[in-house]
């Protein structure tokens, strides 16, 4: 069995980071939505959480696309 090269190790690290960001964003977003409903927060504050989650998902999509392109080459 061969050890992965430095490029493969870097890609694996990036893939792990994307997975962690996606999971954490989803859990945090759902928790804040629930908490906002329980505490009666105004919609504008809850909308900020939606935008933050959307930004994290877009970041994960961009990084995933870059990883995919690097693996193609």
PDB file of N, CA and C in Angstrom:
ATOM      1  N   UNK A   1       0.837  -1.169   0.000  1.00  0.00           N
ATOM      2  CA  UNK A   1       0.000   0.000   0.000  1.00  0.00           C
ATOM      3  C   UNK A   1       0.887   1.240   0.000  1.00  0.00           C
ATOM      4  N   UNK A   2       0.538   2.187  -0.826  1.00  0.00           N
ATOM      5  CA  UNK A   2       1.323   3.407  -0.941  1.00  0.00           C
ATOM      6  C   UNK A   2       0.757   4.514  -0.070  1.00  0.00           C
ATOM      7  N   UNK A   3       1.642   5.340   0.441  1.00  0.00           N
ATOM      8  CA  UNK A   3       1.198   6.505   1.201  1.00  0.00           C
ATOM      9  C   UNK A   3       0.745   7.579   0.208  1.00  0.00           C
ATOM     10  N   UNK A   4      -0.306   8.294   0.570  1.00  0.00           N
ATOM     11  CA  UNK A   4      -0.746   9.365  -0.330  1.00  0.00           C
ATOM     12  C   UNK A   4       0.291  10.481  -0.389  1.00  0.00           C
ATOM     13  N   UNK A   5       0.379  11.096  -1.544  1.00  0.00           N
ATOM     14  CA  UNK A   5       1.304  12.202  -1.723  1.00  0.00           C
ATOM     15  C   UNK A   5       0.805  13.446  -1.013  1.00  0.00           C
ATOM     16  N   UNK A   6       1.624  14.485  -1.021  1.00  0.00           N
ATOM     17  CA  UNK A   6       1.205  15.720  -0.332  1.00  0.00           C
ATOM     18  C   UNK A   6      -0.040  16.360  -0.953  1.00  0.00           C
ATOM     19  N   UNK A   7      -0.207  16.207  -2.256  1.00  0.00           N
ATOM     20  CA  UNK A   7      -1.402  16.779  -2.895  1.00  0.00           C
ATOM     21  C   UNK A   7      -2.667  16.045  -2.457  1.00  0.00           C
ATOM     22  N   UNK A   8      -2.574  14.718  -2.390  1.00  0.00           N
ATOM     23  CA  UNK A   8      -3.728  13.926  -1.951  1.00  0.00           C
ATOM     24  C   UNK A   8      -4.066  14.197  -0.496  1.00  0.00           C
ATOM     25  N   UNK A   9      -3.047  14.365   0.330  1.00  0.00           N
ATOM     26  CA  UNK A   9      -3.281  14.660   1.742  1.00  0.00           C
ATOM     27  C   UNK A   9      -3.950  16.032   1.896  1.00  0.00           C
ATOM     28  N   UNK A  10      -3.546  16.991   1.073  1.00  0.00           N
ATOM     29  CA  UNK A  10      -4.149  18.326   1.122  1.00  0.00           C
ATOM     30  C   UNK A  10      -5.613  18.267   0.692  1.00  0.00           C
ATOM     31  N   UNK A  11      -5.901  17.509  -0.361  1.00  0.00           N
ATOM     32  CA  UNK A  11      -7.281  17.373  -0.819  1.00  0.00           C
ATOM     33  C   UNK A  11      -8.141  16.670   0.230  1.00  0.00           C
ATOM     34  N   UNK A  12      -7.581  15.640   0.873  1.00  0.00           N
ATOM     35  CA  UNK A  12      -8.325  14.934   1.917  1.00  0.00           C
ATOM     36  C   UNK A  12      -8.635  15.868   3.078  1.00  0.00           C
ATOM     37  N   UNK A  13      -7.684  16.717   3.424  1.00  0.00           N
ATOM     38  CA  UNK A  13      -7.898  17.682   4.500  1.00  0.00           C
ATOM     39  C   UNK A  13      -8.993  18.671   4.128  1.00  0.00           C
ATOM     40  N   UNK A  14      -8.990  19.135   2.889  1.00  0.00           N
ATOM     41  CA  UNK A  14     -10.023  20.063   2.430  1.00  0.00           C
ATOM     42  C   UNK A  14     -11.398  19.389   2.415  1.00  0.00           C
ATOM     43  N   UNK A  15     -11.438  18.116   1.997  1.00  0.00           N
ATOM     44  CA  UNK A  15     -12.709  17.400   1.978  1.00  0.00           C
ATOM     45  C   UNK A  15     -13.253  17.222   3.393  1.00  0.00           C
ATOM     46  N   UNK A  16     -12.375  16.926   4.345  1.00  0.00           N
ATOM     47  CA  UNK A  16     -12.789  16.806   5.740  1.00  0.00           C
ATOM     48  C   UNK A  16     -13.356  18.126   6.260  1.00  0.00           C
ATOM     49  N   UNK A  17     -12.675  19.224   5.924  1.00  0.00           N
ATOM     50  CA  UNK A  17     -13.127  20.541   6.359  1.00  0.00           C
ATOM     51  C   UNK A  17     -14.503  20.865   5.783  1.00  0.00           C
ATOM     52  N   UNK A  18     -14.714  20.554   4.520  1.00  0.00           N
ATOM     53  CA  UNK A  18     -16.019  20.802   3.898  1.00  0.00           C
ATOM     54  C   UNK A  18     -17.098  19.993   4.609  1.00  0.00           C
ATOM     55  N   UNK A  19     -16.810  18.743   4.906  1.00  0.00           N
ATOM     56  CA  UNK A  19     -17.783  17.902   5.603  1.00  0.00           C
ATOM     57  C   UNK A  19     -18.137  18.443   6.976  1.00  0.00           C
ATOM     58  N   UNK A  20     -17.125  18.895   7.704  1.00  0.00           N
ATOM     59  CA  UNK A  20     -17.361  19.457   9.035  1.00  0.00           C
ATOM     60  C   UNK A  20     -18.177  20.744   8.941  1.00  0.00           C
ATOM     61  N   UNK A  21     -17.832  21.604   7.981  1.00  0.00           N
ATOM     62  CA  UNK A  21     -18.569  22.863   7.824  1.00  0.00           C
ATOM     63  C   UNK A  21     -20.021  22.597   7.452  1.00  0.00           C
ATOM     64  N   UNK A  22     -20.258  21.652   6.557  1.00  0.00           N
ATOM     65  CA  UNK A  22     -21.637  21.342   6.161  1.00  0.00           C
ATOM     66  C   UNK A  22     -22.443  20.809   7.341  1.00  0.00           C
ATOM     67  N   UNK A  23     -21.876  19.857   8.073  1.00  0.00           N
ATOM     68  CA  UNK A  23     -22.597  19.271   9.204  1.00  0.00           C
ATOM     69  C   UNK A  23     -22.840  20.306  10.302  1.00  0.00           C
ATOM     70  N   UNK A  24     -21.818  21.074  10.642  1.00  0.00           N
ATOM     71  CA  UNK A  24     -21.958  22.073  11.699  1.00  0.00           C
ATOM     72  C   UNK A  24     -22.950  23.164  11.305  1.00  0.00           C
ATOM     73  N   UNK A  25     -22.895  23.590  10.051  1.00  0.00           N
ATOM     74  CA  UNK A  25     -23.820  24.622   9.585  1.00  0.00           C
ATOM     75  C   UNK A  25     -25.260  24.143   9.667  1.00  0.00           C
ATOM     76  N   UNK A  26     -25.490  22.923   9.233  1.00  0.00           N
ATOM     77  CA  UNK A  26     -26.860  22.401   9.242  1.00  0.00           C
ATOM     78  C   UNK A  26     -27.388  22.273  10.662  1.00  0.00           C
ATOM     79  N   UNK A  27     -26.578  21.730  11.559  1.00  0.00           N
ATOM     80  CA  UNK A  27     -27.018  21.556  12.947  1.00  0.00           C
ATOM     81  C   UNK A  27     -27.240  22.916  13.616  1.00  0.00           C
ATOM     82  N   UNK A  28     -26.290  23.828  13.435  1.00  0.00           N
ATOM     83  CA  UNK A  28     -26.416  25.151  14.041  1.00  0.00           C
ATOM     84  C   UNK A  28     -27.605  25.918  13.469  1.00  0.00           C
ATOM     85  N   UNK A  29     -27.800  25.845  12.170  1.00  0.00           N
ATOM     86  CA  UNK A  29     -28.911  26.550  11.534  1.00  0.00           C
ATOM     87  C   UNK A  29     -30.263  26.022  12.036  1.00  0.00           C
ATOM     88  N   UNK A  30     -30.394  24.698  12.083  1.00  0.00           N
ATOM     89  CA  UNK A  30     -31.657  24.134  12.577  1.00  0.00           C
ATOM     90  C   UNK A  30     -31.881  24.480  14.043  1.00  0.00           C
ATOM     91  N   UNK A  31     -30.815  24.455  14.838  1.00  0.00           N
ATOM     92  CA  UNK A  31     -30.945  24.804  16.243  1.00  0.00           C
ATOM     93  C   UNK A  31     -31.349  26.252  16.440  1.00  0.00           C
ATOM     94  N   UNK A  32     -30.757  27.146  15.673  1.00  0.00           N
ATOM     95  CA  UNK A  32     -31.114  28.561  15.791  1.00  0.00           C
ATOM     96  C   UNK A  32     -32.526  28.834  15.285  1.00  0.00           C
ATOM     97  N   UNK A  33     -32.967  28.117  14.259  1.00  0.00           N
ATOM     98  CA  UNK A  33     -34.344  28.266  13.788  1.00  0.00           C
ATOM     99  C   UNK A  33     -35.327  27.838  14.878  1.00  0.00           C
ATOM    100  N   UNK A  34     -35.035  26.735  15.520  1.00  0.00           N
ATOM    101  CA  UNK A  34     -35.903  26.246  16.588  1.00  0.00           C
ATOM    102  C   UNK A  34     -35.899  27.226  17.761  1.00  0.00           C
ATOM    103  N   UNK A  35     -34.696  27.662  18.155  1.00  0.00           N
ATOM    104  CA  UNK A  35     -34.572  28.587  19.274  1.00  0.00           C
ATOM    105  C   UNK A  35     -35.283  29.913  18.978  1.00  0.00           C
ATOM    106  N   UNK A  36     -35.158  30.398  17.767  1.00  0.00           N
ATOM    107  CA  UNK A  36     -35.843  31.631  17.384  1.00  0.00           C
ATOM    108  C   UNK A  36     -37.343  31.496  17.471  1.00  0.00           C
ATOM    109  N   UNK A  37     -37.864  30.337  17.086  1.00  0.00           N
ATOM    110  CA  UNK A  37     -39.304  30.106  17.204  1.00  0.00           C
ATOM    111  C   UNK A  37     -39.765  30.017  18.647  1.00  0.00           C
ATOM    112  N   UNK A  38     -38.960  29.394  19.490  1.00  0.00           N
ATOM    113  CA  UNK A  38     -39.314  29.257  20.900  1.00  0.00           C
ATOM    114  C   UNK A  38     -39.268  30.585  21.645  1.00  0.00           C
ATOM    115  N   UNK A  39     -38.298  31.415  21.302  1.00  0.00           N
ATOM    116  CA  UNK A  39     -38.123  32.681  22.012  1.00  0.00           C
ATOM    117  C   UNK A  39     -38.850  33.850  21.345  1.00  0.00           C
ATOM    118  N   UNK A  40     -39.451  33.606  20.189  1.00  0.00           N
ATOM    119  CA  UNK A  40     -40.225  34.640  19.511  1.00  0.00           C
ATOM    120  C   UNK A  40     -39.372  35.751  18.920  1.00  0.00           C
ATOM    121  N   UNK A  41     -38.210  35.387  18.396  1.00  0.00           N
ATOM    122  CA  UNK A  41     -37.334  36.381  17.790  1.00  0.00           C
ATOM    123  C   UNK A  41     -37.993  36.973  16.558  1.00  0.00           C
ATOM    124  N   UNK A  42     -37.616  38.209  16.256  1.00  0.00           N
ATOM    125  CA  UNK A  42     -38.136  38.861  15.062  1.00  0.00           C
ATOM    126  C   UNK A  42     -37.595  38.149  13.821  1.00  0.00           C
ATOM    127  N   UNK A  43     -38.357  38.228  12.753  1.00  0.00           N
ATOM    128  CA  UNK A  43     -37.985  37.535  11.519  1.00  0.00           C
ATOM    129  C   UNK A  43     -36.678  38.055  10.938  1.00  0.00           C
ATOM    130  N   UNK A  44     -36.364  39.314  11.150  1.00  0.00           N
ATOM    131  CA  UNK A  44     -35.131  39.856  10.573  1.00  0.00           C
ATOM    132  C   UNK A  44     -33.893  39.228  11.198  1.00  0.00           C
ATOM    133  N   UNK A  45     -33.955  38.866  12.487  1.00  0.00           N
ATOM    134  CA  UNK A  45     -32.820  38.204  13.118  1.00  0.00           C
ATOM    135  C   UNK A  45     -32.679  36.769  12.620  1.00  0.00           C
ATOM    136  N   UNK A  46     -33.795  36.096  12.489  1.00  0.00           N
ATOM    137  CA  UNK A  46     -33.766  34.724  11.995  1.00  0.00           C
ATOM    138  C   UNK A  46     -33.293  34.705  10.545  1.00  0.00           C
ATOM    139  N   UNK A  47     -33.650  35.727   9.776  1.00  0.00           N
ATOM    140  CA  UNK A  47     -33.213  35.827   8.383  1.00  0.00           C
ATOM    141  C   UNK A  47     -31.699  35.978   8.296  1.00  0.00           C
ATOM    142  N   UNK A  48     -31.090  36.644   9.261  1.00  0.00           N
ATOM    143  CA  UNK A  48     -29.623  36.746   9.296  1.00  0.00           C
ATOM    144  C   UNK A  48     -28.975  35.372   9.433  1.00  0.00           C
ATOM    145  N   UNK A  49     -29.580  34.507  10.237  1.00  0.00           N
ATOM    146  CA  UNK A  49     -29.060  33.142  10.364  1.00  0.00           C
ATOM    147  C   UNK A  49     -29.201  32.386   9.052  1.00  0.00           C
ATOM    148  N   UNK A  50     -30.301  32.630   8.353  1.00  0.00           N
ATOM    149  CA  UNK A  50     -30.483  32.003   7.039  1.00  0.00           C
ATOM    150  C   UNK A  50     -29.387  32.448   6.069  1.00  0.00           C
ATOM    151  N   UNK A  51     -29.075  33.742   6.070  1.00  0.00           N
ATOM    152  CA  UNK A  51     -28.039  34.247   5.174  1.00  0.00           C
ATOM    153  C   UNK A  51     -26.658  33.696   5.534  1.00  0.00           C
ATOM    154  N   UNK A  52     -26.381  33.582   6.824  1.00  0.00           N
ATOM    155  CA  UNK A  52     -25.098  33.023   7.255  1.00  0.00           C
ATOM    156  C   UNK A  52     -24.985  31.556   6.834  1.00  0.00           C
ATOM    157  N   UNK A  53     -26.060  30.797   6.989  1.00  0.00           N
ATOM    158  CA  UNK A  53     -26.053  29.401   6.568  1.00  0.00           C
ATOM    159  C   UNK A  53     -25.892  29.299   5.052  1.00  0.00           C
ATOM    160  N   UNK A  54     -26.563  30.163   4.326  1.00  0.00           N
ATOM    161  CA  UNK A  54     -26.447  30.171   2.869  1.00  0.00           C
ATOM    162  C   UNK A  54     -25.012  30.471   2.447  1.00  0.00           C
ATOM    163  N   UNK A  55     -24.367  31.415   3.117  1.00  0.00           N
ATOM    164  CA  UNK A  55     -22.975  31.746   2.808  1.00  0.00           C
ATOM    165  C   UNK A  55     -22.068  30.543   3.067  1.00  0.00           C
ATOM    166  N   UNK A  56     -22.304  29.827   4.155  1.00  0.00           N
ATOM    167  CA  UNK A  56     -21.491  28.645   4.452  1.00  0.00           C
ATOM    168  C   UNK A  56     -21.709  27.560   3.402  1.00  0.00           C
ATOM    169  N   UNK A  57     -22.946  27.376   2.956  1.00  0.00           N
ATOM    170  CA  UNK A  57     -23.229  26.370   1.925  1.00  0.00           C
ATOM    171  C   UNK A  57     -22.599  26.751   0.588  1.00  0.00           C
ATOM    172  N   UNK A  58     -22.631  28.022   0.239  1.00  0.00           N
ATOM    173  CA  UNK A  58     -21.999  28.473  -1.007  1.00  0.00           C
ATOM    174  C   UNK A  58     -20.489  28.264  -0.924  1.00  0.00           C
ATOM    175  N   UNK A  59     -19.892  28.592   0.224  1.00  0.00           N
ATOM    176  CA  UNK A  59     -18.458  28.368   0.411  1.00  0.00           C
ATOM    177  C   UNK A  59     -18.124  26.881   0.234  1.00  0.00           C
ATOM    178  N   UNK A  60     -18.915  26.011   0.844  1.00  0.00           N
ATOM    179  CA  UNK A  60     -18.677  24.573   0.729  1.00  0.00           C
ATOM    180  C   UNK A  60     -18.819  24.103  -0.718  1.00  0.00           C
ATOM    181  N   UNK A  61     -19.789  24.652  -1.435  1.00  0.00           N
ATOM    182  CA  UNK A  61     -19.970  24.291  -2.839  1.00  0.00           C
ATOM    183  C   UNK A  61     -18.774  24.715  -3.677  1.00  0.00           C
ATOM    184  N   UNK A  62     -18.275  25.918  -3.445  1.00  0.00           N
ATOM    185  CA  UNK A  62     -17.115  26.409  -4.196  1.00  0.00           C
ATOM    186  C   UNK A  62     -15.880  25.560  -3.899  1.00  0.00           C
ATOM    187  N   UNK A  63     -15.645  25.255  -2.640  1.00  0.00           N
ATOM    188  CA  UNK A  63     -14.482  24.443  -2.283  1.00  0.00           C
ATOM    189  C   UNK A  63     -14.616  23.032  -2.852  1.00  0.00           C
ATOM    190  N   UNK A  64     -15.807  22.478  -2.806  1.00  0.00           N
ATOM    191  CA  UNK A  64     -16.028  21.144  -3.379  1.00  0.00           C
ATOM    192  C   UNK A  64     -15.776  21.148  -4.877  1.00  0.00           C
ATOM    193  N   UNK A  65     -16.209  22.189  -5.560  1.00  0.00           N
ATOM    194  CA  UNK A  65     -15.964  22.296  -6.997  1.00  0.00           C
ATOM    195  C   UNK A  65     -14.458  22.378  -7.286  1.00  0.00           C
ATOM    196  N   UNK A  66     -13.751  23.168  -6.480  1.00  0.00           N
ATOM    197  CA  UNK A  66     -12.297  23.289  -6.669  1.00  0.00           C
ATOM    198  C   UNK A  66     -11.593  21.949  -6.426  1.00  0.00           C
ATOM    199  N   UNK A  67     -12.042  21.205  -5.421  1.00  0.00           N
ATOM    200  CA  UNK A  67     -11.455  19.886  -5.159  1.00  0.00           C
ATOM    201  C   UNK A  67     -11.724  18.964  -6.350  1.00  0.00           C
ATOM    202  N   UNK A  68     -12.946  18.991  -6.850  1.00  0.00           N
ATOM    203  CA  UNK A  68     -13.290  18.144  -7.990  1.00  0.00           C
ATOM    204  C   UNK A  68     -12.426  18.470  -9.197  1.00  0.00           C
ATOM    205  N   UNK A  69     -12.227  19.785  -9.459  1.00  0.00           N
ATOM    206  CA  UNK A  69     -11.404  20.196 -10.605  1.00  0.00           C
ATOM    207  C   UNK A  69      -9.941  19.772 -10.417  1.00  0.00           C
ATOM    208  N   UNK A  70      -9.423  19.859  -9.212  1.00  0.00           N
ATOM    209  CA  UNK A  70      -8.043  19.461  -8.951  1.00  0.00           C
ATOM    210  C   UNK A  70      -7.869  17.958  -9.150  1.00  0.00           C
ATOM    211  N   UNK A  71      -8.864  17.193  -8.783  1.00  0.00           N
ATOM    212  CA  UNK A  71      -8.774  15.723  -8.943  1.00  0.00           C
ATOM    213  C   UNK A  71      -8.884  15.302 -10.404  1.00  0.00           C
ATOM    214  N   UNK A  72      -9.520  16.144 -11.224  1.00  0.00           N
ATOM    215  CA  UNK A  72      -9.641  15.824 -12.638  1.00  0.00           C
ATOM    216  C   UNK A  72      -8.300  15.935 -13.363  1.00  0.00           C
ATOM    217  N   UNK A  73      -7.452  16.801 -12.864  1.00  0.00           N
ATOM    218  CA  UNK A  73      -6.182  17.074 -13.538  1.00  0.00           C
ATOM    219  C   UNK A  73      -5.070  16.116 -13.209  1.00  0.00           C
TER     220      UNK A  73
END
